Amino acid sequence: FAGWLVRVVERVVAEPLTRLSAVDLLGADERRRIVDEWSGAAVEVEPWTLPGLFAEQVARTPDAVAVVSEGVE
């Protein structure tokens, strides 16, 4: 945290009109670690819709209760 605070203070002192939202808290190494090492490989995900997911669940378990509202199934 101290490093991030120092980075903000240095930037604001050097450029007093800079908006705080424009100050990048992460250094190059931190950004690389988060983006490259921690995030893993990108994975393609099928686009889903709620009705589509509902239909798939109905097909898997046609006798299961689908909705419960005010004690009514």
N, C-alpha and C. Protein backbone atom coordinates (compact mmCIF):
# COMPACT_ATOMS: atom_id res chain seq x y z
N PHE A 1 0.81 -1.20 0.00
CA PHE A 1 0.00 0.00 0.00
C PHE A 1 0.86 1.26 0.00
N ALA A 2 1.95 1.18 0.73
CA ALA A 2 2.81 2.35 0.82
C ALA A 2 3.36 2.72 -0.56
N GLY A 3 3.73 1.70 -1.33
CA GLY A 3 4.24 1.95 -2.68
C GLY A 3 3.21 2.63 -3.56
N TRP A 4 1.96 2.18 -3.45
CA TRP A 4 0.90 2.79 -4.25
C TRP A 4 0.68 4.25 -3.83
N LEU A 5 0.70 4.49 -2.52
CA LEU A 5 0.52 5.85 -2.01
C LEU A 5 1.64 6.75 -2.51
N VAL A 6 2.86 6.27 -2.44
CA VAL A 6 4.00 7.05 -2.92
C VAL A 6 3.83 7.36 -4.41
N ARG A 7 3.40 6.37 -5.19
CA ARG A 7 3.20 6.58 -6.63
C ARG A 7 2.16 7.68 -6.87
N VAL A 8 1.08 7.67 -6.11
CA VAL A 8 0.03 8.69 -6.27
C VAL A 8 0.59 10.07 -5.90
N VAL A 9 1.26 10.16 -4.76
CA VAL A 9 1.78 11.44 -4.30
C VAL A 9 2.80 11.98 -5.30
N GLU A 10 3.70 11.14 -5.78
CA GLU A 10 4.70 11.60 -6.76
C GLU A 10 4.03 12.13 -8.02
N ARG A 11 3.02 11.45 -8.49
CA ARG A 11 2.35 11.88 -9.73
C ARG A 11 1.61 13.19 -9.51
N VAL A 12 0.92 13.31 -8.39
CA VAL A 12 0.15 14.53 -8.12
C VAL A 12 1.08 15.73 -7.89
N VAL A 13 2.20 15.50 -7.24
CA VAL A 13 3.16 16.59 -7.03
C VAL A 13 3.76 17.01 -8.37
N ALA A 14 4.07 16.04 -9.22
CA ALA A 14 4.67 16.36 -10.53
C ALA A 14 3.67 17.00 -11.48
N GLU A 15 2.39 16.58 -11.36
CA GLU A 15 1.34 17.10 -12.25
C GLU A 15 0.10 17.40 -11.40
N PRO A 16 0.07 18.58 -10.76
CA PRO A 16 -1.00 18.91 -9.81
C PRO A 16 -2.41 18.89 -10.40
N LEU A 17 -2.54 19.07 -11.69
CA LEU A 17 -3.88 19.09 -12.29
C LEU A 17 -4.37 17.70 -12.69
N THR A 18 -3.57 16.69 -12.42
CA THR A 18 -3.95 15.31 -12.76
C THR A 18 -5.09 14.85 -11.87
N ARG A 19 -6.09 14.25 -12.49
CA ARG A 19 -7.18 13.67 -11.71
C ARG A 19 -6.67 12.40 -11.04
N LEU A 20 -7.12 12.14 -9.84
CA LEU A 20 -6.68 10.93 -9.14
C LEU A 20 -7.08 9.68 -9.91
N SER A 21 -8.20 9.72 -10.59
CA SER A 21 -8.64 8.55 -11.36
C SER A 21 -7.70 8.25 -12.52
N ALA A 22 -6.88 9.20 -12.91
CA ALA A 22 -5.94 9.01 -14.01
C ALA A 22 -4.60 8.47 -13.55
N VAL A 23 -4.39 8.39 -12.24
CA VAL A 23 -3.12 7.90 -11.71
C VAL A 23 -3.15 6.38 -11.71
N ASP A 24 -2.17 5.77 -12.37
CA ASP A 24 -2.07 4.32 -12.43
C ASP A 24 -1.37 3.83 -11.16
N LEU A 25 -2.08 3.08 -10.35
CA LEU A 25 -1.50 2.60 -9.09
C LEU A 25 -0.49 1.49 -9.31
N LEU A 26 -0.66 0.70 -10.34
CA LEU A 26 0.21 -0.44 -10.56
C LEU A 26 1.47 -0.08 -11.32
N GLY A 27 2.58 -0.62 -10.86
CA GLY A 27 3.82 -0.49 -11.60
C GLY A 27 3.84 -1.52 -12.72
N ALA A 28 4.83 -1.45 -13.58
CA ALA A 28 4.91 -2.35 -14.73
C ALA A 28 4.98 -3.81 -14.29
N ASP A 29 5.77 -4.12 -13.26
CA ASP A 29 5.90 -5.50 -12.79
C ASP A 29 4.59 -6.01 -12.19
N GLU A 30 3.92 -5.15 -11.41
CA GLU A 30 2.64 -5.56 -10.82
C GLU A 30 1.61 -5.83 -11.91
N ARG A 31 1.53 -4.95 -12.88
CA ARG A 31 0.56 -5.11 -13.98
C ARG A 31 0.85 -6.40 -14.75
N ARG A 32 2.12 -6.66 -15.06
CA ARG A 32 2.49 -7.87 -15.78
C ARG A 32 2.10 -9.11 -14.98
N ARG A 33 2.37 -9.09 -13.68
CA ARG A 33 2.05 -10.23 -12.83
C ARG A 33 0.55 -10.50 -12.83
N ILE A 34 -0.25 -9.46 -12.69
CA ILE A 34 -1.70 -9.63 -12.64
C ILE A 34 -2.25 -10.07 -14.00
N VAL A 35 -1.83 -9.38 -15.05
CA VAL A 35 -2.39 -9.64 -16.37
C VAL A 35 -1.88 -10.94 -16.96
N ASP A 36 -0.57 -11.18 -16.86
CA ASP A 36 0.02 -12.34 -17.52
C ASP A 36 0.05 -13.60 -16.66
N GLU A 37 0.45 -13.45 -15.41
CA GLU A 37 0.66 -14.63 -14.57
C GLU A 37 -0.60 -15.08 -13.84
N TRP A 38 -1.34 -14.16 -13.27
CA TRP A 38 -2.47 -14.55 -12.44
C TRP A 38 -3.75 -14.78 -13.21
N SER A 39 -3.90 -14.15 -14.35
CA SER A 39 -5.17 -14.26 -15.05
C SER A 39 -5.32 -15.55 -15.83
N GLY A 40 -4.24 -16.22 -16.15
CA GLY A 40 -4.32 -17.46 -16.91
C GLY A 40 -4.63 -17.18 -18.37
N ALA A 41 -4.76 -18.24 -19.11
CA ALA A 41 -5.03 -18.11 -20.54
C ALA A 41 -6.50 -17.75 -20.77
N ALA A 42 -6.73 -17.00 -21.81
CA ALA A 42 -8.10 -16.64 -22.16
C ALA A 42 -8.85 -17.90 -22.61
N VAL A 43 -10.09 -17.99 -22.23
CA VAL A 43 -10.90 -19.15 -22.56
C VAL A 43 -12.15 -18.68 -23.27
N GLU A 44 -12.45 -19.31 -24.38
CA GLU A 44 -13.69 -18.98 -25.10
C GLU A 44 -14.87 -19.51 -24.29
N VAL A 45 -15.89 -18.70 -24.15
CA VAL A 45 -17.09 -19.08 -23.41
C VAL A 45 -18.28 -18.93 -24.33
N GLU A 46 -19.13 -19.96 -24.31
CA GLU A 46 -20.34 -19.91 -25.13
C GLU A 46 -21.27 -18.81 -24.61
N PRO A 47 -21.87 -18.05 -25.50
CA PRO A 47 -22.85 -17.06 -25.03
C PRO A 47 -24.12 -17.78 -24.57
N TRP A 48 -24.57 -17.50 -23.36
CA TRP A 48 -25.74 -18.14 -22.80
C TRP A 48 -26.83 -17.12 -22.56
N THR A 49 -28.05 -17.58 -22.57
CA THR A 49 -29.18 -16.76 -22.17
C THR A 49 -29.89 -17.48 -21.03
N LEU A 50 -30.61 -16.76 -20.22
CA LEU A 50 -31.34 -17.39 -19.13
C LEU A 50 -32.36 -18.40 -19.65
N PRO A 51 -33.14 -18.06 -20.68
CA PRO A 51 -34.08 -19.07 -21.20
C PRO A 51 -33.36 -20.32 -21.73
N GLY A 52 -32.20 -20.13 -22.35
CA GLY A 52 -31.44 -21.27 -22.85
C GLY A 52 -30.95 -22.17 -21.73
N LEU A 53 -30.41 -21.56 -20.66
CA LEU A 53 -29.97 -22.33 -19.50
C LEU A 53 -31.13 -23.06 -18.85
N PHE A 54 -32.27 -22.41 -18.76
CA PHE A 54 -33.48 -23.00 -18.19
C PHE A 54 -33.89 -24.22 -19.00
N ALA A 55 -33.90 -24.08 -20.33
CA ALA A 55 -34.28 -25.18 -21.21
C ALA A 55 -33.33 -26.36 -21.07
N GLU A 56 -32.03 -26.08 -20.95
CA GLU A 56 -31.06 -27.16 -20.76
C GLU A 56 -31.29 -27.90 -19.46
N GLN A 57 -31.59 -27.15 -18.40
CA GLN A 57 -31.84 -27.79 -17.10
C GLN A 57 -33.11 -28.62 -17.16
N VAL A 58 -34.14 -28.13 -17.83
CA VAL A 58 -35.39 -28.89 -17.98
C VAL A 58 -35.11 -30.20 -18.72
N ALA A 59 -34.29 -30.15 -19.76
CA ALA A 59 -33.97 -31.36 -20.53
C ALA A 59 -33.21 -32.36 -19.65
N ARG A 60 -32.33 -31.88 -18.76
CA ARG A 60 -31.56 -32.77 -17.89
C ARG A 60 -32.41 -33.37 -16.78
N THR A 61 -33.31 -32.56 -16.20
CA THR A 61 -34.10 -33.03 -15.04
C THR A 61 -35.55 -32.64 -15.23
N PRO A 62 -36.26 -33.32 -16.15
CA PRO A 62 -37.63 -32.91 -16.49
C PRO A 62 -38.64 -33.04 -15.34
N ASP A 63 -38.35 -33.88 -14.34
CA ASP A 63 -39.30 -34.07 -13.24
C ASP A 63 -38.99 -33.20 -12.02
N ALA A 64 -37.92 -32.42 -12.08
CA ALA A 64 -37.54 -31.59 -10.95
C ALA A 64 -38.42 -30.34 -10.89
N VAL A 65 -38.55 -29.79 -9.68
CA VAL A 65 -39.30 -28.55 -9.50
C VAL A 65 -38.51 -27.42 -10.15
N ALA A 66 -39.18 -26.62 -10.96
CA ALA A 66 -38.50 -25.55 -11.69
C ALA A 66 -38.55 -24.23 -10.94
N VAL A 67 -39.70 -23.93 -10.33
CA VAL A 67 -39.88 -22.63 -9.69
C VAL A 67 -40.71 -22.83 -8.42
N VAL A 68 -40.35 -22.10 -7.37
CA VAL A 68 -41.13 -22.09 -6.13
C VAL A 68 -41.43 -20.64 -5.80
N SER A 69 -42.70 -20.33 -5.59
CA SER A 69 -43.10 -18.96 -5.26
C SER A 69 -44.22 -19.00 -4.23
N GLU A 70 -43.99 -18.38 -3.09
CA GLU A 70 -44.98 -18.31 -2.02
C GLU A 70 -45.52 -19.69 -1.67
N GLY A 71 -44.63 -20.67 -1.60
CA GLY A 71 -45.00 -22.01 -1.21
C GLY A 71 -45.62 -22.85 -2.31
N VAL A 72 -45.75 -22.31 -3.50
CA VAL A 72 -46.34 -23.03 -4.63
C VAL A 72 -45.21 -23.46 -5.56
N GLU A 73 -45.24 -24.74 -5.97
CA GLU A 73 -44.22 -25.25 -6.89
C GLU A 73 -44.78 -25.30 -8.29
